[in-house]
Protein backbone atom coordinates (compact mmCIF):
# COMPACT_ATOMS: atom_id res chain seq x y z
CA MET A 1 0.00 0.00 0.00
CA LYS A 2 1.17 3.51 -0.83
CA ILE A 3 0.28 6.50 1.33
CA TRP A 4 0.96 10.21 1.05
CA PHE A 5 3.34 11.34 3.78
CA ASP A 6 6.00 14.01 4.11
CA GLY A 7 5.15 15.50 0.72
CA GLY A 8 5.16 12.37 -1.40
CA LEU A 9 4.11 8.77 -1.84
CA ARG A 10 5.64 6.31 0.63
CA ASP A 11 5.32 2.62 1.33
CA ALA A 12 2.96 2.33 4.28
CA GLU A 13 5.33 -0.06 6.04
CA GLY A 14 8.17 2.44 5.94
CA ALA A 15 6.28 5.65 6.75
CA ARG A 16 6.72 6.69 10.35
CA VAL A 17 5.21 9.58 12.32
CA SER A 18 7.11 10.78 15.38
CA VAL A 19 5.97 9.38 18.72
CA PHE A 20 5.95 13.04 19.79
CA ASP A 21 3.48 14.08 17.10
CA HIS A 22 0.81 16.23 18.76
CA GLY A 23 -1.90 14.29 16.95
CA LEU A 24 -0.75 11.18 18.82
CA THR A 25 0.01 12.65 22.23
CA VAL A 26 -2.99 14.96 22.69
CA GLY A 27 -5.24 14.48 19.66
CA ASP A 28 -4.23 17.82 18.16
CA GLY A 29 -5.36 17.27 14.62
CA VAL A 30 -8.22 17.29 12.14
CA PHE A 31 -9.29 14.83 9.47
CA GLU A 32 -11.65 14.07 6.63
CA THR A 33 -13.05 10.76 5.43
CA LEU A 34 -14.15 10.56 1.80
CA LYS A 35 -15.91 7.92 -0.24
CA ALA A 36 -13.71 6.69 -3.08
CA GLU A 37 -15.14 4.82 -6.05
CA GLN A 38 -13.15 3.62 -9.04
CA GLY A 39 -10.39 6.16 -8.48
CA ARG A 40 -12.67 9.13 -7.77
CA THR A 41 -13.48 10.86 -4.49
CA PHE A 42 -16.98 12.13 -3.81
CA ALA A 43 -17.43 15.82 -2.85
CA LEU A 44 -13.68 16.46 -2.59
CA THR A 45 -14.00 20.24 -2.74
CA ARG A 46 -16.50 20.35 0.14
CA HIS A 47 -14.31 18.04 2.22
CA LEU A 48 -11.22 20.18 1.64
CA GLU A 49 -13.12 23.31 2.62
CA ARG A 50 -14.19 21.64 5.85
CA LEU A 51 -10.64 20.41 6.49
CA ALA A 52 -9.44 24.01 6.29
CA THR A 53 -12.30 25.22 8.50
CA SER A 54 -11.51 22.60 11.14
CA ALA A 55 -7.80 23.46 11.04
CA ARG A 56 -8.55 27.15 11.57
CA GLY A 57 -10.90 26.31 14.42
CA LEU A 58 -8.18 24.29 16.12
CA GLY A 59 -5.59 27.00 15.53
CA LEU A 60 -3.48 24.91 13.16
CA PRO A 61 -1.65 26.49 10.22
CA GLU A 62 -3.71 26.62 7.05
CA PRO A 63 -3.29 23.32 5.18
CA ASP A 64 -1.94 23.46 1.63
CA LEU A 65 -5.08 22.30 -0.15
CA ASP A 66 -3.28 22.01 -3.48
CA GLU A 67 -0.92 19.49 -1.89
CA VAL A 68 -3.85 17.66 -0.35
CA ARG A 69 -5.48 17.38 -3.77
CA ARG A 70 -2.23 16.08 -5.28
CA GLY A 71 -1.87 13.62 -2.45
CA CYS A 72 -5.41 12.32 -2.84
CA ALA A 73 -4.94 11.82 -6.58
CA ALA A 74 -1.59 10.09 -6.10
CA VAL A 75 -2.90 7.71 -3.45
CA LEU A 76 -5.94 6.81 -5.53
CA GLU A 77 -3.77 6.12 -8.58
CA ALA A 78 -1.28 4.05 -6.60
CA ASN A 79 -3.94 1.93 -4.88
CA PRO A 80 -6.68 0.93 -7.35
CA THR A 81 -9.80 0.23 -5.30
CA ALA A 82 -13.36 -0.35 -6.41
CA PHE A 83 -14.82 1.14 -3.22
CA GLY A 84 -12.88 2.57 -0.34
CA ARG A 85 -12.36 5.01 2.48
CA LEU A 86 -9.89 7.82 1.78
CA ARG A 87 -8.63 9.35 5.02
CA ILE A 88 -6.88 12.74 5.22
CA THR A 89 -5.22 13.41 8.58
CA TYR A 90 -3.59 16.75 9.42
CA THR A 91 -1.95 17.27 12.81
CA GLY A 92 0.10 19.78 14.79
CA GLY A 93 3.29 17.85 14.13
CA GLU A 94 6.12 17.06 16.52
CA SER A 95 5.66 18.99 19.77
CA PRO A 96 6.72 18.94 23.42
CA LEU A 97 4.85 16.61 25.72
CA GLY A 98 1.79 18.49 26.96
CA SER A 99 -0.75 20.74 25.30
CA ASP A 100 1.61 23.42 23.97
CA ARG A 101 2.55 23.09 20.30
CA GLY A 102 6.13 23.08 19.14
CA ASP A 103 7.72 24.82 16.15
CA ALA A 104 7.93 21.78 13.89
CA ALA A 105 5.99 21.50 10.67
CA THR A 106 2.52 20.00 10.62
CA THR A 107 1.97 16.38 9.60
CA LEU A 108 -0.17 15.39 6.61
CA VAL A 109 -1.06 11.76 5.95
CA ILE A 110 -3.42 10.51 3.24
CA ALA A 111 -4.30 6.83 3.14
CA LEU A 112 -6.83 4.64 1.35
CA GLY A 113 -8.43 1.47 2.65
CA GLU A 114 -10.98 -0.85 1.11
CA ALA A 115 -14.48 -0.57 2.55
CA ALA A 116 -17.68 -2.57 2.36
CA ARG A 117 -20.76 -0.94 0.90
CA ARG A 118 -23.30 -0.30 3.60
CA PRO A 119 -26.61 -2.16 3.73
CA ASP A 120 -29.73 -0.07 3.19
CA THR A 121 -30.85 -0.53 6.82
CA THR A 122 -29.26 -0.63 10.26
CA ALA A 123 -29.97 -0.41 13.99
CA ALA A 124 -28.98 2.43 16.33
CA VAL A 125 -29.06 3.14 20.05
CA THR A 126 -29.02 6.29 22.14
CA VAL A 127 -26.24 6.67 24.69
CA PRO A 128 -26.28 8.42 28.08
CA TRP A 129 -23.41 10.78 27.28
CA THR A 130 -23.92 14.24 25.80
CA ARG A 131 -22.44 16.43 23.10
CA ASN A 132 -21.39 19.87 24.29
CA GLU A 133 -22.94 22.33 21.84
CA ARG A 134 -20.73 25.13 23.25
CA GLY A 135 -17.38 23.32 23.42
CA ALA A 136 -14.12 24.53 21.90
CA LEU A 137 -14.18 21.68 19.37
CA THR A 138 -17.88 21.83 18.56
CA GLY A 139 -18.43 21.61 14.83
CA LEU A 140 -14.79 20.68 14.09
CA LYS A 141 -13.81 17.32 12.65
CA ALA A 142 -11.00 16.82 15.13
CA THR A 143 -9.04 13.63 15.73
CA SER A 144 -10.05 13.63 19.41
CA TYR A 145 -12.49 10.75 18.94
CA GLY A 146 -12.32 8.99 22.29
CA GLU A 147 -15.97 9.70 23.08
CA ASN A 148 -17.01 8.20 19.78
CA VAL A 149 -14.94 5.06 20.35
CA VAL A 150 -16.68 4.47 23.70
CA ALA A 151 -20.15 5.24 22.32
CA LEU A 152 -19.73 3.03 19.26
CA ALA A 153 -18.52 0.16 21.44
CA ARG A 154 -21.74 0.54 23.47
CA ALA A 155 -23.76 0.37 20.25
CA ARG A 156 -21.93 -2.74 19.06
CA GLU A 157 -22.62 -4.45 22.38
CA GLN A 158 -26.34 -3.93 21.70
CA GLY A 159 -26.24 -5.19 18.12
CA ALA A 160 -26.33 -1.74 16.52
CA SER A 161 -23.97 0.06 14.14
CA GLU A 162 -24.39 3.60 15.47
CA ALA A 163 -24.75 5.51 18.73
CA LEU A 164 -26.87 8.68 18.86
CA PHE A 165 -26.18 11.58 21.22
CA GLY A 166 -28.29 14.31 22.73
CA ASN A 167 -26.67 17.60 23.75
CA THR A 168 -26.46 19.33 27.14
CA VAL A 169 -30.01 20.72 26.88
CA GLY A 170 -31.57 17.39 25.94
CA ALA A 171 -31.90 18.02 22.21
CA LEU A 172 -31.15 15.47 19.52
CA CYS A 173 -27.65 16.11 18.15
CA GLU A 174 -25.85 13.49 16.03
CA GLY A 175 -24.35 10.02 15.84
CA SER A 176 -20.80 9.01 16.68
CA GLY A 177 -19.91 9.25 13.00
CA SER A 178 -23.11 10.38 11.32
CA ASN A 179 -25.86 12.95 11.19
CA VAL A 180 -29.44 11.96 11.93
CA PHE A 181 -32.73 12.75 10.17
CA VAL A 182 -36.25 12.01 11.35
CA VAL A 183 -39.67 12.04 9.72
CA ILE A 184 -42.47 13.63 11.77
CA ASP A 185 -45.98 13.93 10.32
CA GLY A 186 -44.56 13.08 6.93
CA GLU A 187 -41.95 15.90 7.00
CA LEU A 188 -38.20 15.45 7.03
CA HIS A 189 -36.19 17.13 9.81
CA THR A 190 -32.58 17.20 11.04
CA PRO A 191 -30.99 19.00 14.02
CA PRO A 192 -29.49 22.43 13.22
CA LEU A 193 -25.76 23.05 13.50
CA ALA A 194 -26.48 25.03 16.70
CA SER A 195 -27.28 21.67 18.33
CA GLY A 196 -23.56 20.94 18.29
CA CYS A 197 -23.61 18.44 15.44
CA LEU A 198 -20.91 18.24 12.82
CA ALA A 199 -21.60 20.06 9.57
CA GLY A 200 -21.68 16.80 7.64
CA ILE A 201 -21.08 16.93 3.91
CA THR A 202 -23.73 14.31 3.20
CA ARG A 203 -26.03 16.06 5.68
CA ALA A 204 -25.76 19.37 3.82
CA LEU A 205 -26.38 17.74 0.45
CA THR A 206 -29.38 15.84 1.81
CA VAL A 207 -30.87 19.04 3.28
CA SER A 208 -30.46 20.74 -0.09
CA TRP A 209 -31.48 17.90 -2.38
CA ALA A 210 -34.27 16.32 -0.30
CA GLY A 211 -35.66 19.52 1.22
CA ALA A 212 -35.16 18.64 4.88
CA LYS A 213 -35.91 21.22 7.57
CA GLU A 214 -33.32 22.10 10.21
CA THR A 215 -35.29 21.90 13.44
CA ASP A 216 -34.57 21.87 17.17
CA LEU A 217 -35.73 18.42 18.24
CA PRO A 218 -35.88 16.82 21.69
CA LEU A 219 -33.93 13.59 22.03
CA ASP A 220 -37.14 11.68 22.68
CA VAL A 221 -38.33 12.49 19.15
CA LEU A 222 -36.66 9.17 18.32
CA GLU A 223 -39.42 7.43 20.31
CA ARG A 224 -42.17 8.69 17.99
CA ALA A 225 -40.49 9.41 14.67
CA GLU A 226 -42.17 7.68 11.76
CA GLU A 227 -38.85 7.17 10.00
CA ILE A 228 -35.21 7.71 10.97
CA PHE A 229 -32.13 7.68 8.81
CA LEU A 230 -28.41 8.39 9.11
CA THR A 231 -26.08 10.18 6.73
CA SER A 232 -22.30 10.07 6.40
CA SER A 233 -19.67 9.87 3.69
CA LEU A 234 -19.67 6.08 3.45
CA ARG A 235 -23.30 5.51 4.45
CA ASP A 236 -24.75 8.11 2.07
CA ILE A 237 -28.31 7.65 3.41
CA GLN A 238 -29.03 4.61 5.57
CA ALA A 239 -32.41 3.82 7.10
CA VAL A 240 -32.67 3.01 10.81
CA THR A 241 -35.11 0.14 11.31
CA ARG A 242 -34.48 -0.37 15.04
CA ILE A 243 -33.74 2.24 17.70
CA ASP A 244 -33.24 1.29 21.36
CA GLY A 245 -35.23 -1.87 20.78
CA ARG A 246 -38.13 -0.07 19.05
CA GLN A 247 -38.78 -1.72 15.74
CA LEU A 248 -39.63 0.51 12.81
CA ALA A 249 -40.52 -0.76 9.34
CA ALA A 250 -38.22 -3.52 8.10
CA GLU A 251 -37.41 -1.53 4.95
CA PRO A 252 -36.71 2.17 4.35
CA GLY A 253 -39.93 4.16 4.72
CA PRO A 254 -41.35 6.21 1.84
CA VAL A 255 -39.67 9.51 2.77
CA THR A 256 -36.33 7.79 3.39
CA ALA A 257 -36.56 5.79 0.18
CA GLU A 258 -37.26 8.95 -1.80
CA ALA A 259 -34.32 10.74 -0.16
CA MET A 260 -32.08 7.78 -1.03
CA ARG A 261 -33.25 7.87 -4.62
CA ILE A 262 -32.68 11.61 -4.96
CA PHE A 263 -29.26 11.44 -3.34
CA ALA A 264 -28.09 8.60 -5.58
CA GLU A 265 -29.35 10.38 -8.69
CA GLN A 266 -27.79 13.74 -7.82
CA ALA A 267 -24.48 12.23 -6.71
CA ALA A 268 -24.19 10.22 -9.92
CA ALA A 269 -24.76 13.39 -11.95
CA ASP A 270 -22.04 15.37 -10.14
CA PHE A 271 -19.27 13.66 -8.17
CA ASP A 272 -17.96 16.97 -6.83
CA PRO A 273 -21.09 19.00 -5.97
CA ARG A 274 -20.25 22.55 -4.85
């Protein structure tokens, strides 16, 4: 496998990041995950814009997006994959132990791994922990993912593939690696960014293409929603058919199915929607 590291392609086995890299020691970094199909990345421009936004929010130097584009293209060419996960990781680089950053250059790693296409349906659970809608990292796609690791493990223990969070005021927020949509009285809704959720790329496209409303929703809306679905880069749109033991329809409901159809049609027409 070839990865992009230190400004060029490297054999994955020989590429080494310092044990003092701030991304490793304190999680001082940002990242993007993109869907890759037949050598193409979906919504690359939007992902790069969010990478830069997250870096600014964390106080990291502005990433060289031209280099990131070159790196993505080089990795895709060097690792032919029918369907995969392209991961861009950008960290504070080698630094002293502790929270202060050093003067070394930032670290950029781009890697590609094969991925399985998601099924149309899945199960999810809510977890007792909250998202902080006013935190320093709120809305940033930072590498500090410990909370998500714990929450996803809880979901796996209960036979689900995703964990859903409320925020500090009891509103529905997001999943550990997804955004969430619900259907109430036949209308499609998703929490607003003010809830503390990540500004998901697939979320934004779904809001635009499927006409979803951004609405403050209590966490218990999941108990009465007619349909629920998740969005993320590798899920696209995935229906939730079981939530906390409550069984919904065995197949995607009519609103979800229509959103899936629209998303697939629009994405096929433009692989880099602006």
